[in-house]
Amino acid sequence: MNVHIPSPLRSYTSQKACVEAEGQTVADLLNRLDQQYPGVRFRMINEQDSIREHIKIFVNQTQISDLSVRLNETDAIYIIAALSGG
């Protein structure tokens, strides 16, 4: 399935804005994504296995907060990173 990567995380994906990954759940997909692009999962998921505060993950057009959400092979995953600064 297509995983859309926000620009702050593209240094992990060789600047690719969209990558392919598989998984039965969001957690599984992120683990496999981390195998392909080491370190990217840690930037999205904290030590308690929760989505980091500044990251939003959408399956198709629905924001999810639970990594156990089941996926279909036709789903599109959008990862959004909040910008900060001052």
PDB file of N, CA and C in Angstrom:
ATOM      1  N   MET A   1       0.835  -1.176   0.000  1.00  0.00           N
ATOM      2  CA  MET A   1       0.000   0.000   0.000  1.00  0.00           C
ATOM      3  C   MET A   1       0.881   1.241   0.000  1.00  0.00           C
ATOM      4  N   ASN A   2       0.332   2.342  -0.421  1.00  0.00           N
ATOM      5  CA  ASN A   2       1.074   3.595  -0.482  1.00  0.00           C
ATOM      6  C   ASN A   2       1.110   4.263   0.881  1.00  0.00           C
ATOM      7  N   VAL A   3       2.312   4.668   1.281  1.00  0.00           N
ATOM      8  CA  VAL A   3       2.496   5.402   2.531  1.00  0.00           C
ATOM      9  C   VAL A   3       3.073   6.760   2.155  1.00  0.00           C
ATOM     10  N   HIS A   4       2.340   7.815   2.461  1.00  0.00           N
ATOM     11  CA  HIS A   4       2.763   9.178   2.144  1.00  0.00           C
ATOM     12  C   HIS A   4       3.576   9.716   3.319  1.00  0.00           C
ATOM     13  N   ILE A   5       4.803  10.127   3.025  1.00  0.00           N
ATOM     14  CA  ILE A   5       5.774  10.527   4.042  1.00  0.00           C
ATOM     15  C   ILE A   5       5.878  12.051   4.078  1.00  0.00           C
ATOM     16  N   PRO A   6       5.800  12.653   5.276  1.00  0.00           N
ATOM     17  CA  PRO A   6       5.934  14.114   5.360  1.00  0.00           C
ATOM     18  C   PRO A   6       7.394  14.524   5.163  1.00  0.00           C
ATOM     19  N   SER A   7       7.610  15.725   4.705  1.00  0.00           N
ATOM     20  CA  SER A   7       8.972  16.181   4.404  1.00  0.00           C
ATOM     21  C   SER A   7       9.935  16.078   5.589  1.00  0.00           C
ATOM     22  N   PRO A   8       9.537  16.299   6.861  1.00  0.00           N
ATOM     23  CA  PRO A   8      10.509  16.160   7.944  1.00  0.00           C
ATOM     24  C   PRO A   8      11.053  14.730   8.120  1.00  0.00           C
ATOM     25  N   LEU A   9      10.369  13.733   7.568  1.00  0.00           N
ATOM     26  CA  LEU A   9      10.822  12.341   7.707  1.00  0.00           C
ATOM     27  C   LEU A   9      11.443  11.778   6.430  1.00  0.00           C
ATOM     28  N   ARG A  10      11.490  12.566   5.391  1.00  0.00           N
ATOM     29  CA  ARG A  10      11.986  12.057   4.103  1.00  0.00           C
ATOM     30  C   ARG A  10      13.482  11.784   4.098  1.00  0.00           C
ATOM     31  N   SER A  11      14.214  12.298   5.071  1.00  0.00           N
ATOM     32  CA  SER A  11      15.646  11.967   5.140  1.00  0.00           C
ATOM     33  C   SER A  11      15.823  10.468   5.400  1.00  0.00           C
ATOM     34  N   TYR A  12      14.816   9.814   5.975  1.00  0.00           N
ATOM     35  CA  TYR A  12      14.866   8.371   6.208  1.00  0.00           C
ATOM     36  C   TYR A  12      14.520   7.572   4.959  1.00  0.00           C
ATOM     37  N   THR A  13      13.793   8.181   4.020  1.00  0.00           N
ATOM     38  CA  THR A  13      13.314   7.465   2.830  1.00  0.00           C
ATOM     39  C   THR A  13      14.024   7.913   1.558  1.00  0.00           C
ATOM     40  N   SER A  14      15.228   8.437   1.695  1.00  0.00           N
ATOM     41  CA  SER A  14      15.982   8.939   0.537  1.00  0.00           C
ATOM     42  C   SER A  14      15.185   9.990  -0.220  1.00  0.00           C
ATOM     43  N   GLN A  15      14.477  10.840   0.528  1.00  0.00           N
ATOM     44  CA  GLN A  15      13.685  11.954   0.012  1.00  0.00           C
ATOM     45  C   GLN A  15      12.434  11.523  -0.754  1.00  0.00           C
ATOM     46  N   LYS A  16      12.034  10.270  -0.625  1.00  0.00           N
ATOM     47  CA  LYS A  16      10.805   9.810  -1.284  1.00  0.00           C
ATOM     48  C   LYS A  16       9.589  10.306  -0.518  1.00  0.00           C
ATOM     49  N   ALA A  17       8.639  10.892  -1.231  1.00  0.00           N
ATOM     50  CA  ALA A  17       7.407  11.394  -0.632  1.00  0.00           C
ATOM     51  C   ALA A  17       6.377  10.290  -0.451  1.00  0.00           C
ATOM     52  N   CYS A  18       6.500   9.216  -1.199  1.00  0.00           N
ATOM     53  CA  CYS A  18       5.561   8.104  -1.128  1.00  0.00           C
ATOM     54  C   CYS A  18       6.352   6.808  -1.266  1.00  0.00           C
ATOM     55  N   VAL A  19       6.114   5.875  -0.369  1.00  0.00           N
ATOM     56  CA  VAL A  19       6.807   4.586  -0.403  1.00  0.00           C
ATOM     57  C   VAL A  19       5.770   3.474  -0.308  1.00  0.00           C
ATOM     58  N   GLU A  20       6.177   2.266  -0.633  1.00  0.00           N
ATOM     59  CA  GLU A  20       5.317   1.090  -0.541  1.00  0.00           C
ATOM     60  C   GLU A  20       5.669   0.315   0.720  1.00  0.00           C
ATOM     61  N   ALA A  21       4.643  -0.162   1.410  1.00  0.00           N
ATOM     62  CA  ALA A  21       4.850  -1.021   2.574  1.00  0.00           C
ATOM     63  C   ALA A  21       3.619  -1.909   2.728  1.00  0.00           C
ATOM     64  N   GLU A  22       3.796  -3.022   3.420  1.00  0.00           N
ATOM     65  CA  GLU A  22       2.719  -3.972   3.656  1.00  0.00           C
ATOM     66  C   GLU A  22       2.489  -4.103   5.152  1.00  0.00           C
ATOM     67  N   GLY A  23       1.308  -4.560   5.509  1.00  0.00           N
ATOM     68  CA  GLY A  23       1.005  -4.832   6.900  1.00  0.00           C
ATOM     69  C   GLY A  23      -0.468  -5.108   7.091  1.00  0.00           C
ATOM     70  N   GLN A  24      -0.772  -5.973   8.055  1.00  0.00           N
ATOM     71  CA  GLN A  24      -2.173  -6.267   8.359  1.00  0.00           C
ATOM     72  C   GLN A  24      -2.764  -5.223   9.291  1.00  0.00           C
ATOM     73  N   THR A  25      -1.897  -4.582  10.094  1.00  0.00           N
ATOM     74  CA  THR A  25      -2.323  -3.504  10.985  1.00  0.00           C
ATOM     75  C   THR A  25      -1.372  -2.326  10.785  1.00  0.00           C
ATOM     76  N   VAL A  26      -1.727  -1.180  11.352  1.00  0.00           N
ATOM     77  CA  VAL A  26      -0.846  -0.012  11.264  1.00  0.00           C
ATOM     78  C   VAL A  26       0.484  -0.325  11.962  1.00  0.00           C
ATOM     79  N   ALA A  27       0.438  -0.989  13.103  1.00  0.00           N
ATOM     80  CA  ALA A  27       1.666  -1.351  13.821  1.00  0.00           C
ATOM     81  C   ALA A  27       2.567  -2.221  12.957  1.00  0.00           C
ATOM     82  N   ASP A  28       1.995  -3.210  12.311  1.00  0.00           N
ATOM     83  CA  ASP A  28       2.738  -4.105  11.431  1.00  0.00           C
ATOM     84  C   ASP A  28       3.348  -3.321  10.265  1.00  0.00           C
ATOM     85  N   LEU A  29       2.570  -2.448   9.671  1.00  0.00           N
ATOM     86  CA  LEU A  29       3.054  -1.632   8.555  1.00  0.00           C
ATOM     87  C   LEU A  29       4.241  -0.757   8.999  1.00  0.00           C
ATOM     88  N   LEU A  30       4.133  -0.126  10.174  1.00  0.00           N
ATOM     89  CA  LEU A  30       5.223   0.733  10.646  1.00  0.00           C
ATOM     90  C   LEU A  30       6.474  -0.071  10.970  1.00  0.00           C
ATOM     91  N   ASN A  31       6.306  -1.281  11.489  1.00  0.00           N
ATOM     92  CA  ASN A  31       7.467  -2.140  11.740  1.00  0.00           C
ATOM     93  C   ASN A  31       8.165  -2.511  10.441  1.00  0.00           C
ATOM     94  N   ARG A  32       7.397  -2.847   9.435  1.00  0.00           N
ATOM     95  CA  ARG A  32       7.980  -3.189   8.130  1.00  0.00           C
ATOM     96  C   ARG A  32       8.602  -1.968   7.462  1.00  0.00           C
ATOM     97  N   LEU A  33       7.973  -0.827   7.636  1.00  0.00           N
ATOM     98  CA  LEU A  33       8.535   0.416   7.110  1.00  0.00           C
ATOM     99  C   LEU A  33       9.887   0.694   7.760  1.00  0.00           C
ATOM    100  N   ASP A  34       9.985   0.406   9.056  1.00  0.00           N
ATOM    101  CA  ASP A  34      11.232   0.618   9.777  1.00  0.00           C
ATOM    102  C   ASP A  34      12.316  -0.357   9.317  1.00  0.00           C
ATOM    103  N   GLN A  35      11.930  -1.536   8.869  1.00  0.00           N
ATOM    104  CA  GLN A  35      12.906  -2.481   8.314  1.00  0.00           C
ATOM    105  C   GLN A  35      13.488  -1.945   7.009  1.00  0.00           C
ATOM    106  N   GLN A  36      12.638  -1.313   6.203  1.00  0.00           N
ATOM    107  CA  GLN A  36      13.082  -0.746   4.928  1.00  0.00           C
ATOM    108  C   GLN A  36      13.853   0.555   5.139  1.00  0.00           C
ATOM    109  N   TYR A  37      13.412   1.344   6.113  1.00  0.00           N
ATOM    110  CA  TYR A  37      13.975   2.677   6.360  1.00  0.00           C
ATOM    111  C   TYR A  37      14.274   2.817   7.861  1.00  0.00           C
ATOM    112  N   PRO A  38      15.398   2.231   8.302  1.00  0.00           N
ATOM    113  CA  PRO A  38      15.715   2.195   9.731  1.00  0.00           C
ATOM    114  C   PRO A  38      15.653   3.570  10.401  1.00  0.00           C
ATOM    115  N   GLY A  39      14.978   3.573  11.567  1.00  0.00           N
ATOM    116  CA  GLY A  39      14.881   4.783  12.367  1.00  0.00           C
ATOM    117  C   GLY A  39      13.609   5.578  12.163  1.00  0.00           C
ATOM    118  N   VAL A  40      12.888   5.338  11.094  1.00  0.00           N
ATOM    119  CA  VAL A  40      11.708   6.158  10.796  1.00  0.00           C
ATOM    120  C   VAL A  40      10.584   5.918  11.808  1.00  0.00           C
ATOM    121  N   ARG A  41      10.422   4.690  12.272  1.00  0.00           N
ATOM    122  CA  ARG A  41       9.345   4.388  13.221  1.00  0.00           C
ATOM    123  C   ARG A  41       9.529   5.167  14.522  1.00  0.00           C
ATOM    124  N   PHE A  42      10.756   5.231  15.019  1.00  0.00           N
ATOM    125  CA  PHE A  42      11.020   5.929  16.276  1.00  0.00           C
ATOM    126  C   PHE A  42      10.648   7.402  16.196  1.00  0.00           C
ATOM    127  N   ARG A  43      10.700   7.986  15.028  1.00  0.00           N
ATOM    128  CA  ARG A  43      10.333   9.397  14.864  1.00  0.00           C
ATOM    129  C   ARG A  43       8.823   9.592  14.915  1.00  0.00           C
ATOM    130  N   MET A  44       8.058   8.494  14.756  1.00  0.00           N
ATOM    131  CA  MET A  44       6.595   8.577  14.768  1.00  0.00           C
ATOM    132  C   MET A  44       5.972   7.980  16.020  1.00  0.00           C
ATOM    133  N   ILE A  45       6.629   6.968  16.590  1.00  0.00           N
ATOM    134  CA  ILE A  45       6.063   6.198  17.701  1.00  0.00           C
ATOM    135  C   ILE A  45       6.993   6.302  18.905  1.00  0.00           C
ATOM    136  N   ASN A  46       6.415   6.585  20.079  1.00  0.00           N
ATOM    137  CA  ASN A  46       7.246   6.733  21.280  1.00  0.00           C
ATOM    138  C   ASN A  46       7.524   5.384  21.953  1.00  0.00           C
ATOM    139  N   GLU A  47       8.212   5.428  23.083  1.00  0.00           N
ATOM    140  CA  GLU A  47       8.613   4.218  23.804  1.00  0.00           C
ATOM    141  C   GLU A  47       7.419   3.446  24.381  1.00  0.00           C
ATOM    142  N   GLN A  48       6.281   4.082  24.519  1.00  0.00           N
ATOM    143  CA  GLN A  48       5.068   3.430  25.023  1.00  0.00           C
ATOM    144  C   GLN A  48       4.199   2.888  23.880  1.00  0.00           C
ATOM    145  N   ASP A  49       4.750   2.862  22.683  1.00  0.00           N
ATOM    146  CA  ASP A  49       4.036   2.394  21.482  1.00  0.00           C
ATOM    147  C   ASP A  49       2.804   3.230  21.177  1.00  0.00           C
ATOM    148  N   SER A  50       2.910   4.528  21.420  1.00  0.00           N
ATOM    149  CA  SER A  50       1.849   5.476  21.074  1.00  0.00           C
ATOM    150  C   SER A  50       2.361   6.423  19.995  1.00  0.00           C
ATOM    151  N   ILE A  51       1.442   6.942  19.222  1.00  0.00           N
ATOM    152  CA  ILE A  51       1.812   7.907  18.186  1.00  0.00           C
ATOM    153  C   ILE A  51       2.284   9.184  18.866  1.00  0.00           C
ATOM    154  N   ARG A  52       3.436   9.679  18.445  1.00  0.00           N
ATOM    155  CA  ARG A  52       3.984  10.900  19.035  1.00  0.00           C
ATOM    156  C   ARG A  52       3.009  12.059  18.842  1.00  0.00           C
ATOM    157  N   GLU A  53       3.048  12.997  19.779  1.00  0.00           N
ATOM    158  CA  GLU A  53       2.111  14.113  19.825  1.00  0.00           C
ATOM    159  C   GLU A  53       2.082  14.937  18.535  1.00  0.00           C
ATOM    160  N   HIS A  54       3.231  15.107  17.893  1.00  0.00           N
ATOM    161  CA  HIS A  54       3.310  15.960  16.708  1.00  0.00           C
ATOM    162  C   HIS A  54       3.052  15.209  15.399  1.00  0.00           C
ATOM    163  N   ILE A  55       2.706  13.922  15.496  1.00  0.00           N
ATOM    164  CA  ILE A  55       2.456  13.093  14.312  1.00  0.00           C
ATOM    165  C   ILE A  55       0.972  12.731  14.259  1.00  0.00           C
ATOM    166  N   LYS A  56       0.414  12.802  13.087  1.00  0.00           N
ATOM    167  CA  LYS A  56      -0.959  12.344  12.830  1.00  0.00           C
ATOM    168  C   LYS A  56      -0.876  11.293  11.732  1.00  0.00           C
ATOM    169  N   ILE A  57      -1.601  10.196  11.911  1.00  0.00           N
ATOM    170  CA  ILE A  57      -1.618   9.125  10.915  1.00  0.00           C
ATOM    171  C   ILE A  57      -3.058   8.950  10.451  1.00  0.00           C
ATOM    172  N   PHE A  58      -3.226   8.946   9.140  1.00  0.00           N
ATOM    173  CA  PHE A  58      -4.534   8.761   8.526  1.00  0.00           C
ATOM    174  C   PHE A  58      -4.524   7.486   7.701  1.00  0.00           C
ATOM    175  N   VAL A  59      -5.582   6.716   7.801  1.00  0.00           N
ATOM    176  CA  VAL A  59      -5.822   5.590   6.910  1.00  0.00           C
ATOM    177  C   VAL A  59      -6.934   6.049   5.996  1.00  0.00           C
ATOM    178  N   ASN A  60      -6.573   6.219   4.735  1.00  0.00           N
ATOM    179  CA  ASN A  60      -7.445   6.867   3.764  1.00  0.00           C
ATOM    180  C   ASN A  60      -7.722   8.277   4.281  1.00  0.00           C
ATOM    181  N   GLN A  61      -8.926   8.595   4.679  1.00  0.00           N
ATOM    182  CA  GLN A  61      -9.206   9.953   5.151  1.00  0.00           C
ATOM    183  C   GLN A  61      -9.567  10.001   6.631  1.00  0.00           C
ATOM    184  N   THR A  62      -9.319   8.910   7.337  1.00  0.00           N
ATOM    185  CA  THR A  62      -9.696   8.817   8.745  1.00  0.00           C
ATOM    186  C   THR A  62      -8.456   8.829   9.633  1.00  0.00           C
ATOM    187  N   GLN A  63      -8.399   9.787  10.557  1.00  0.00           N
ATOM    188  CA  GLN A  63      -7.274   9.840  11.491  1.00  0.00           C
ATOM    189  C   GLN A  63      -7.409   8.684  12.480  1.00  0.00           C
ATOM    190  N   ILE A  64      -6.286   8.020  12.748  1.00  0.00           N
ATOM    191  CA  ILE A  64      -6.303   6.906  13.696  1.00  0.00           C
ATOM    192  C   ILE A  64      -5.439   7.262  14.906  1.00  0.00           C
ATOM    193  N   SER A  65      -5.756   6.650  16.026  1.00  0.00           N
ATOM    194  CA  SER A  65      -4.942   6.832  17.227  1.00  0.00           C
ATOM    195  C   SER A  65      -4.522   5.488  17.802  1.00  0.00           C
ATOM    196  N   ASP A  66      -5.022   4.419  17.212  1.00  0.00           N
ATOM    197  CA  ASP A  66      -4.755   3.065  17.678  1.00  0.00           C
ATOM    198  C   ASP A  66      -3.956   2.315  16.607  1.00  0.00           C
ATOM    199  N   LEU A  67      -2.779   1.835  16.981  1.00  0.00           N
ATOM    200  CA  LEU A  67      -1.917   1.149  16.014  1.00  0.00           C
ATOM    201  C   LEU A  67      -2.443  -0.231  15.615  1.00  0.00           C
ATOM    202  N   SER A  68      -3.475  -0.715  16.293  1.00  0.00           N
ATOM    203  CA  SER A  68      -4.020  -2.030  15.952  1.00  0.00           C
ATOM    204  C   SER A  68      -5.086  -1.965  14.856  1.00  0.00           C
ATOM    205  N   VAL A  69      -5.305  -0.782  14.294  1.00  0.00           N
ATOM    206  CA  VAL A  69      -6.281  -0.631  13.196  1.00  0.00           C
ATOM    207  C   VAL A  69      -5.885  -1.556  12.054  1.00  0.00           C
ATOM    208  N   ARG A  70      -6.854  -2.343  11.591  1.00  0.00           N
ATOM    209  CA  ARG A  70      -6.612  -3.286  10.495  1.00  0.00           C
ATOM    210  C   ARG A  70      -6.565  -2.547   9.164  1.00  0.00           C
ATOM    211  N   LEU A  71      -5.735  -3.050   8.269  1.00  0.00           N
ATOM    212  CA  LEU A  71      -5.544  -2.425   6.960  1.00  0.00           C
ATOM    213  C   LEU A  71      -5.962  -3.359   5.843  1.00  0.00           C
ATOM    214  N   ASN A  72      -6.364  -2.765   4.739  1.00  0.00           N
ATOM    215  CA  ASN A  72      -6.634  -3.482   3.494  1.00  0.00           C
ATOM    216  C   ASN A  72      -5.536  -3.107   2.510  1.00  0.00           C
ATOM    217  N   GLU A  73      -5.255  -3.963   1.561  1.00  0.00           N
ATOM    218  CA  GLU A  73      -4.165  -3.692   0.625  1.00  0.00           C
ATOM    219  C   GLU A  73      -4.421  -2.488  -0.270  1.00  0.00           C
ATOM    220  N   THR A  74      -5.647  -2.011  -0.343  1.00  0.00           N
ATOM    221  CA  THR A  74      -5.959  -0.832  -1.156  1.00  0.00           C
ATOM    222  C   THR A  74      -5.929   0.470  -0.356  1.00  0.00           C
ATOM    223  N   ASP A  75      -5.678   0.389   0.951  1.00  0.00           N
ATOM    224  CA  ASP A  75      -5.647   1.586   1.787  1.00  0.00           C
ATOM    225  C   ASP A  75      -4.452   2.470   1.441  1.00  0.00           C
ATOM    226  N   ALA A  76      -4.630   3.751   1.642  1.00  0.00           N
ATOM    227  CA  ALA A  76      -3.529   4.712   1.530  1.00  0.00           C
ATOM    228  C   ALA A  76      -3.275   5.260   2.931  1.00  0.00           C
ATOM    229  N   ILE A  77      -2.001   5.326   3.303  1.00  0.00           N
ATOM    230  CA  ILE A  77      -1.606   5.783   4.626  1.00  0.00           C
ATOM    231  C   ILE A  77      -0.960   7.156   4.460  1.00  0.00           C
ATOM    232  N   TYR A  78      -1.436   8.109   5.233  1.00  0.00           N
ATOM    233  CA  TYR A  78      -0.887   9.471   5.206  1.00  0.00           C
ATOM    234  C   TYR A  78      -0.319   9.774   6.583  1.00  0.00           C
ATOM    235  N   ILE A  79       0.945  10.130   6.612  1.00  0.00           N
ATOM    236  CA  ILE A  79       1.601  10.525   7.857  1.00  0.00           C
ATOM    237  C   ILE A  79       1.832  12.026   7.773  1.00  0.00           C
ATOM    238  N   ILE A  80       1.324  12.721   8.775  1.00  0.00           N
ATOM    239  CA  ILE A  80       1.409  14.181   8.812  1.00  0.00           C
ATOM    240  C   ILE A  80       2.240  14.567  10.031  1.00  0.00           C
ATOM    241  N   ALA A  81       3.210  15.437   9.838  1.00  0.00           N
ATOM    242  CA  ALA A  81       4.034  15.937  10.947  1.00  0.00           C
ATOM    243  C   ALA A  81       3.730  17.395  11.156  1.00  0.00           C
ATOM    244  N   ALA A  82       3.395  17.753  12.394  1.00  0.00           N
ATOM    245  CA  ALA A  82       3.127  19.149  12.723  1.00  0.00           C
ATOM    246  C   ALA A  82       4.427  19.941  12.654  1.00  0.00           C
ATOM    247  N   LEU A  83       4.321  21.156  12.196  1.00  0.00           N
ATOM    248  CA  LEU A  83       5.474  22.048  12.146  1.00  0.00           C
ATOM    249  C   LEU A  83       5.475  22.905  13.394  1.00  0.00           C
ATOM    250  N   SER A  84       6.654  23.209  13.881  1.00  0.00           N
ATOM    251  CA  SER A  84       6.746  24.080  15.048  1.00  0.00           C
ATOM    252  C   SER A  84       7.880  25.061  14.820  1.00  0.00           C
ATOM    253  N   GLY A  85       7.905  26.023  15.638  1.00  0.00           N
ATOM    254  CA  GLY A  85       8.954  27.033  15.515  1.00  0.00           C
ATOM    255  C   GLY A  85       8.481  28.337  16.133  1.00  0.00           C
ATOM    256  N   GLY A  86       9.294  29.319  15.995  1.00  0.00           N
ATOM    257  CA  GLY A  86       8.866  30.551  16.612  1.00  0.00           C
ATOM    258  C   GLY A  86       9.506  31.743  15.960  1.00  0.00           C
TER     259      GLY A  86
END
